[in-house]
Amino acid sequence: PYYVDMNQNLFLQASLHSSDQNLMVFVDTCVASPDPSDFRTLNYELITRGCVKDPTYSSYYSPRSSVARFAFKAFSFVKRYPSVYLQCELVVCRYHDFSSRCYQGCVGRFKRDSGS
């Protein structure tokens, strides 16, 4: 466990370890939960499909494309839950492949055509 005070900035880093220097990592989704085995029943979305949901979430520059850096302010799920667990989904893409998921950024839901 990592102990932080409420509203303290929590900095995180995800690193891709590969001999291929032409890969990059992208933070697609991060969800918090008070239960380490259930991220669906009670959760809080920090970022979903590249779209920032939490106003305190921010990504930071990294000198290497194989490293993703981000931060958010620590919070809790009402007082009866002593811990917060974080589950993140990362995407690995080819560096400079502008058609890849890593370069799309925020991907919202697609709207259906009302005529179909």
N, C-alpha and C. Protein backbone atom coordinates (compact mmCIF):
# COMPACT_ATOMS: atom_id res chain seq x y z
N PRO A 1 0.82 -1.21 0.00
CA PRO A 1 0.00 0.00 0.00
C PRO A 1 0.85 1.26 0.00
N TYR A 2 0.26 2.30 -0.50
CA TYR A 2 0.91 3.61 -0.54
C TYR A 2 -0.02 4.56 0.20
N TYR A 3 0.46 5.20 1.23
CA TYR A 3 -0.37 6.05 2.08
C TYR A 3 -0.22 7.51 1.68
N VAL A 4 -1.34 8.17 1.48
CA VAL A 4 -1.35 9.60 1.14
C VAL A 4 -2.46 10.29 1.92
N ASP A 5 -2.32 11.59 2.05
CA ASP A 5 -3.36 12.39 2.70
C ASP A 5 -4.41 12.77 1.67
N MET A 6 -5.59 13.05 2.15
CA MET A 6 -6.68 13.50 1.27
C MET A 6 -6.24 14.74 0.51
N ASN A 7 -6.60 14.81 -0.76
CA ASN A 7 -6.30 15.92 -1.66
C ASN A 7 -4.81 16.10 -1.96
N GLN A 8 -3.98 15.18 -1.51
CA GLN A 8 -2.56 15.23 -1.85
C GLN A 8 -2.41 14.80 -3.31
N ASN A 9 -1.53 15.45 -4.04
CA ASN A 9 -1.26 15.03 -5.41
C ASN A 9 -0.59 13.66 -5.39
N LEU A 10 -1.14 12.76 -6.17
CA LEU A 10 -0.58 11.42 -6.29
C LEU A 10 -0.04 11.27 -7.71
N PHE A 11 1.26 11.11 -7.84
CA PHE A 11 1.91 11.02 -9.14
C PHE A 11 2.18 9.55 -9.47
N LEU A 12 1.85 9.16 -10.71
CA LEU A 12 2.05 7.79 -11.15
C LEU A 12 2.81 7.76 -12.47
N GLN A 13 3.46 6.63 -12.69
CA GLN A 13 4.21 6.46 -13.93
C GLN A 13 4.08 5.01 -14.35
N ALA A 14 3.80 4.80 -15.62
CA ALA A 14 3.75 3.45 -16.20
C ALA A 14 4.85 3.36 -17.24
N SER A 15 5.65 2.32 -17.14
CA SER A 15 6.78 2.16 -18.06
C SER A 15 6.64 0.87 -18.85
N LEU A 16 6.93 0.96 -20.12
CA LEU A 16 6.95 -0.19 -21.00
C LEU A 16 8.40 -0.64 -21.15
N HIS A 17 8.67 -1.88 -20.81
CA HIS A 17 10.02 -2.42 -20.92
C HIS A 17 10.08 -3.34 -22.13
N SER A 18 10.73 -2.87 -23.18
CA SER A 18 10.83 -3.63 -24.42
C SER A 18 12.13 -3.25 -25.14
N SER A 19 12.65 -4.18 -25.89
CA SER A 19 13.84 -3.88 -26.68
C SER A 19 13.49 -3.07 -27.92
N ASP A 20 12.20 -3.03 -28.27
CA ASP A 20 11.73 -2.24 -29.41
C ASP A 20 11.60 -0.79 -29.00
N GLN A 21 12.45 0.07 -29.50
CA GLN A 21 12.46 1.49 -29.13
C GLN A 21 11.36 2.29 -29.84
N ASN A 22 10.64 1.68 -30.77
CA ASN A 22 9.61 2.38 -31.53
C ASN A 22 8.21 2.12 -31.01
N LEU A 23 8.09 1.87 -29.70
CA LEU A 23 6.79 1.66 -29.09
C LEU A 23 6.48 2.81 -28.15
N MET A 24 5.20 3.10 -28.00
CA MET A 24 4.79 4.12 -27.04
C MET A 24 3.65 3.57 -26.21
N VAL A 25 3.44 4.18 -25.05
CA VAL A 25 2.38 3.75 -24.15
C VAL A 25 1.40 4.91 -23.95
N PHE A 26 0.11 4.58 -23.88
CA PHE A 26 -0.96 5.56 -23.76
C PHE A 26 -1.90 5.12 -22.65
N VAL A 27 -2.24 6.03 -21.73
CA VAL A 27 -3.18 5.73 -20.66
C VAL A 27 -4.59 5.88 -21.24
N ASP A 28 -5.28 4.77 -21.39
CA ASP A 28 -6.62 4.77 -21.98
C ASP A 28 -7.69 4.93 -20.92
N THR A 29 -7.63 4.13 -19.87
CA THR A 29 -8.68 4.12 -18.85
C THR A 29 -8.08 3.87 -17.47
N CYS A 30 -8.52 4.63 -16.47
CA CYS A 30 -8.15 4.38 -15.07
C CYS A 30 -9.41 4.52 -14.23
N VAL A 31 -9.68 3.48 -13.46
CA VAL A 31 -10.86 3.44 -12.61
C VAL A 31 -10.43 3.13 -11.19
N ALA A 32 -11.02 3.80 -10.22
CA ALA A 32 -10.74 3.56 -8.81
C ALA A 32 -11.92 2.82 -8.19
N SER A 33 -11.62 2.00 -7.18
CA SER A 33 -12.65 1.24 -6.47
C SER A 33 -12.21 0.99 -5.04
N PRO A 34 -13.16 0.84 -4.10
CA PRO A 34 -12.77 0.47 -2.74
C PRO A 34 -12.54 -1.03 -2.60
N ASP A 35 -12.86 -1.80 -3.65
CA ASP A 35 -12.73 -3.26 -3.64
C ASP A 35 -11.73 -3.68 -4.72
N PRO A 36 -10.61 -4.30 -4.35
CA PRO A 36 -9.59 -4.65 -5.34
C PRO A 36 -10.04 -5.71 -6.35
N SER A 37 -11.15 -6.41 -6.08
CA SER A 37 -11.60 -7.44 -7.01
C SER A 37 -12.89 -7.06 -7.75
N ASP A 38 -13.39 -5.84 -7.52
CA ASP A 38 -14.63 -5.42 -8.18
C ASP A 38 -14.53 -3.94 -8.56
N PHE A 39 -14.32 -3.70 -9.85
CA PHE A 39 -14.22 -2.33 -10.34
C PHE A 39 -15.48 -1.91 -11.09
N ARG A 40 -16.58 -2.64 -10.86
CA ARG A 40 -17.83 -2.32 -11.55
C ARG A 40 -18.94 -1.82 -10.61
N THR A 41 -19.08 -2.46 -9.46
CA THR A 41 -20.19 -2.13 -8.55
C THR A 41 -20.11 -0.71 -8.02
N LEU A 42 -19.00 -0.39 -7.40
CA LEU A 42 -18.76 0.96 -6.88
C LEU A 42 -17.42 1.41 -7.42
N ASN A 43 -17.44 2.43 -8.27
CA ASN A 43 -16.18 2.88 -8.86
C ASN A 43 -16.21 4.38 -9.11
N TYR A 44 -15.06 4.88 -9.44
CA TYR A 44 -14.90 6.29 -9.80
C TYR A 44 -13.96 6.34 -10.99
N GLU A 45 -14.42 6.90 -12.09
CA GLU A 45 -13.62 6.97 -13.30
C GLU A 45 -12.73 8.21 -13.29
N LEU A 46 -11.43 7.99 -13.46
CA LEU A 46 -10.48 9.10 -13.57
C LEU A 46 -10.32 9.49 -15.04
N ILE A 47 -10.20 8.48 -15.90
CA ILE A 47 -10.07 8.69 -17.33
C ILE A 47 -10.69 7.47 -18.01
N THR A 48 -11.49 7.72 -19.04
CA THR A 48 -12.18 6.64 -19.74
C THR A 48 -12.03 6.83 -21.24
N ARG A 49 -11.46 5.83 -21.90
CA ARG A 49 -11.22 5.87 -23.34
C ARG A 49 -10.50 7.16 -23.75
N GLY A 50 -9.53 7.54 -22.92
CA GLY A 50 -8.73 8.72 -23.21
C GLY A 50 -9.37 10.04 -22.82
N CYS A 51 -10.62 9.99 -22.31
CA CYS A 51 -11.35 11.21 -21.91
C CYS A 51 -11.22 11.41 -20.40
N VAL A 52 -10.69 12.53 -20.00
CA VAL A 52 -10.51 12.83 -18.58
C VAL A 52 -11.86 13.06 -17.93
N LYS A 53 -12.13 12.32 -16.84
CA LYS A 53 -13.39 12.42 -16.10
C LYS A 53 -13.22 13.16 -14.77
N ASP A 54 -12.04 13.08 -14.20
CA ASP A 54 -11.77 13.71 -12.91
C ASP A 54 -11.07 15.04 -13.15
N PRO A 55 -11.59 16.13 -12.58
CA PRO A 55 -10.98 17.45 -12.83
C PRO A 55 -9.57 17.61 -12.27
N THR A 56 -9.15 16.73 -11.36
CA THR A 56 -7.80 16.83 -10.81
C THR A 56 -6.80 15.99 -11.58
N TYR A 57 -7.27 15.19 -12.53
CA TYR A 57 -6.39 14.33 -13.33
C TYR A 57 -5.62 15.17 -14.34
N SER A 58 -4.33 14.90 -14.46
CA SER A 58 -3.55 15.55 -15.51
C SER A 58 -2.42 14.62 -15.93
N SER A 59 -2.10 14.69 -17.22
CA SER A 59 -0.97 13.91 -17.71
C SER A 59 0.25 14.82 -17.78
N TYR A 60 1.42 14.22 -17.70
CA TYR A 60 2.66 14.98 -17.67
C TYR A 60 3.59 14.52 -18.79
N TYR A 61 4.40 15.43 -19.21
CA TYR A 61 5.39 15.14 -20.25
C TYR A 61 6.37 14.08 -19.76
N SER A 62 6.74 13.20 -20.67
CA SER A 62 7.78 12.22 -20.41
C SER A 62 8.80 12.30 -21.54
N PRO A 63 10.09 12.26 -21.23
CA PRO A 63 11.09 12.33 -22.29
C PRO A 63 11.14 11.07 -23.16
N ARG A 64 10.51 10.00 -22.70
CA ARG A 64 10.48 8.75 -23.47
C ARG A 64 9.04 8.36 -23.77
N SER A 65 8.78 7.94 -24.99
CA SER A 65 7.42 7.56 -25.37
C SER A 65 6.98 6.26 -24.70
N SER A 66 7.92 5.51 -24.16
CA SER A 66 7.60 4.26 -23.48
C SER A 66 7.20 4.47 -22.01
N VAL A 67 7.09 5.72 -21.60
CA VAL A 67 6.72 6.06 -20.23
C VAL A 67 5.53 7.01 -20.25
N ALA A 68 4.49 6.67 -19.49
CA ALA A 68 3.33 7.55 -19.34
C ALA A 68 3.31 8.06 -17.90
N ARG A 69 3.16 9.36 -17.75
CA ARG A 69 3.12 9.98 -16.42
C ARG A 69 1.81 10.72 -16.24
N PHE A 70 1.21 10.54 -15.06
CA PHE A 70 -0.04 11.24 -14.77
C PHE A 70 -0.21 11.40 -13.27
N ALA A 71 -1.16 12.23 -12.89
CA ALA A 71 -1.39 12.51 -11.47
C ALA A 71 -2.86 12.84 -11.25
N PHE A 72 -3.28 12.71 -10.00
CA PHE A 72 -4.62 13.15 -9.57
C PHE A 72 -4.57 13.36 -8.07
N LYS A 73 -5.56 14.05 -7.55
CA LYS A 73 -5.61 14.30 -6.11
C LYS A 73 -6.24 13.10 -5.40
N ALA A 74 -5.62 12.69 -4.29
CA ALA A 74 -6.11 11.55 -3.52
C ALA A 74 -7.50 11.84 -2.97
N PHE A 75 -8.32 10.80 -2.94
CA PHE A 75 -9.70 10.91 -2.46
C PHE A 75 -10.06 9.61 -1.76
N SER A 76 -11.25 9.55 -1.20
CA SER A 76 -11.72 8.30 -0.57
C SER A 76 -13.18 8.08 -0.94
N PHE A 77 -13.60 6.83 -0.79
CA PHE A 77 -15.00 6.46 -0.96
C PHE A 77 -15.62 6.50 0.42
N VAL A 78 -16.46 7.43 0.70
CA VAL A 78 -17.05 7.60 2.04
C VAL A 78 -16.24 6.91 3.13
N LYS A 79 -16.44 7.27 4.33
CA LYS A 79 -15.53 6.87 5.40
C LYS A 79 -15.49 5.38 5.72
N ARG A 80 -16.45 4.61 5.28
CA ARG A 80 -16.44 3.19 5.64
C ARG A 80 -15.47 2.35 4.81
N TYR A 81 -14.89 2.93 3.78
CA TYR A 81 -13.91 2.22 2.97
C TYR A 81 -12.53 2.81 3.23
N PRO A 82 -11.63 2.04 3.83
CA PRO A 82 -10.32 2.58 4.20
C PRO A 82 -9.32 2.72 3.05
N SER A 83 -9.56 2.02 1.94
CA SER A 83 -8.58 2.02 0.86
C SER A 83 -9.23 2.34 -0.48
N VAL A 84 -8.39 2.80 -1.39
CA VAL A 84 -8.80 3.03 -2.77
C VAL A 84 -7.83 2.25 -3.65
N TYR A 85 -8.38 1.47 -4.56
CA TYR A 85 -7.57 0.68 -5.49
C TYR A 85 -7.73 1.26 -6.88
N LEU A 86 -6.66 1.20 -7.64
CA LEU A 86 -6.65 1.78 -8.98
C LEU A 86 -6.36 0.70 -10.01
N GLN A 87 -7.16 0.70 -11.06
CA GLN A 87 -6.95 -0.23 -12.17
C GLN A 87 -6.89 0.59 -13.45
N CYS A 88 -5.79 0.47 -14.18
CA CYS A 88 -5.61 1.24 -15.40
C CYS A 88 -5.40 0.33 -16.59
N GLU A 89 -5.93 0.75 -17.72
CA GLU A 89 -5.72 0.05 -18.97
C GLU A 89 -4.83 0.94 -19.84
N LEU A 90 -3.74 0.36 -20.30
CA LEU A 90 -2.78 1.09 -21.12
C LEU A 90 -2.76 0.47 -22.52
N VAL A 91 -2.49 1.29 -23.50
CA VAL A 91 -2.41 0.83 -24.88
C VAL A 91 -0.97 1.01 -25.35
N VAL A 92 -0.46 0.02 -26.04
CA VAL A 92 0.88 0.10 -26.61
C VAL A 92 0.74 0.21 -28.13
N CYS A 93 1.40 1.20 -28.70
CA CYS A 93 1.31 1.46 -30.14
C CYS A 93 2.70 1.69 -30.72
N ARG A 94 2.76 1.69 -32.02
CA ARG A 94 3.99 2.06 -32.72
C ARG A 94 4.14 3.58 -32.65
N TYR A 95 5.33 4.03 -32.32
CA TYR A 95 5.62 5.46 -32.28
C TYR A 95 5.45 6.04 -33.68
N HIS A 96 4.80 7.17 -33.79
CA HIS A 96 4.53 7.88 -35.05
C HIS A 96 3.53 7.16 -35.96
N ASP A 97 2.77 6.19 -35.42
CA ASP A 97 1.68 5.60 -36.19
C ASP A 97 0.43 6.40 -35.85
N PHE A 98 0.20 7.46 -36.60
CA PHE A 98 -0.85 8.42 -36.28
C PHE A 98 -2.25 7.86 -36.44
N SER A 99 -2.40 6.67 -37.02
CA SER A 99 -3.72 6.05 -37.12
C SER A 99 -4.00 5.14 -35.92
N SER A 100 -3.03 4.98 -35.02
CA SER A 100 -3.18 4.08 -33.87
C SER A 100 -4.01 4.72 -32.76
N ARG A 101 -4.45 3.90 -31.84
CA ARG A 101 -5.26 4.36 -30.69
C ARG A 101 -4.51 5.40 -29.86
N CYS A 102 -3.21 5.31 -29.76
CA CYS A 102 -2.41 6.22 -28.94
C CYS A 102 -2.53 7.67 -29.41
N TYR A 103 -2.77 7.88 -30.68
CA TYR A 103 -2.84 9.23 -31.22
C TYR A 103 -4.26 9.76 -31.35
N GLN A 104 -5.26 8.95 -31.02
CA GLN A 104 -6.65 9.37 -31.15
C GLN A 104 -7.12 10.24 -29.99
N GLY A 105 -6.48 10.12 -28.84
CA GLY A 105 -6.88 10.90 -27.68
C GLY A 105 -8.23 10.46 -27.15
N CYS A 106 -9.07 11.40 -26.78
CA CYS A 106 -10.39 11.12 -26.21
C CYS A 106 -11.30 10.54 -27.28
N VAL A 107 -11.84 9.37 -27.00
CA VAL A 107 -12.77 8.72 -27.93
C VAL A 107 -14.12 8.60 -27.24
N GLY A 108 -15.07 9.44 -27.64
CA GLY A 108 -16.41 9.39 -27.07
C GLY A 108 -17.25 8.32 -27.75
N ARG A 109 -18.46 8.17 -27.28
CA ARG A 109 -19.36 7.21 -27.90
C ARG A 109 -19.79 7.73 -29.26
N PHE A 110 -20.01 6.79 -30.15
CA PHE A 110 -20.50 7.17 -31.48
C PHE A 110 -22.02 7.30 -31.40
N LYS A 111 -22.56 8.34 -32.01
CA LYS A 111 -24.00 8.55 -32.04
C LYS A 111 -24.60 7.73 -33.17
N ARG A 112 -25.78 7.15 -32.89
CA ARG A 112 -26.46 6.39 -33.92
C ARG A 112 -27.23 7.34 -34.82
N ASP A 113 -27.35 6.93 -36.05
CA ASP A 113 -28.15 7.68 -37.02
C ASP A 113 -29.61 7.44 -36.67
N SER A 114 -30.40 8.48 -36.47
CA SER A 114 -31.79 8.32 -36.07
C SER A 114 -32.63 7.66 -37.15
N GLY A 115 -32.14 7.63 -38.37
CA GLY A 115 -32.90 7.01 -39.46
C GLY A 115 -32.72 5.51 -39.55
N SER A 116 -31.77 4.94 -38.81
CA SER A 116 -31.56 3.49 -38.94
C SER A 116 -32.13 2.73 -37.77
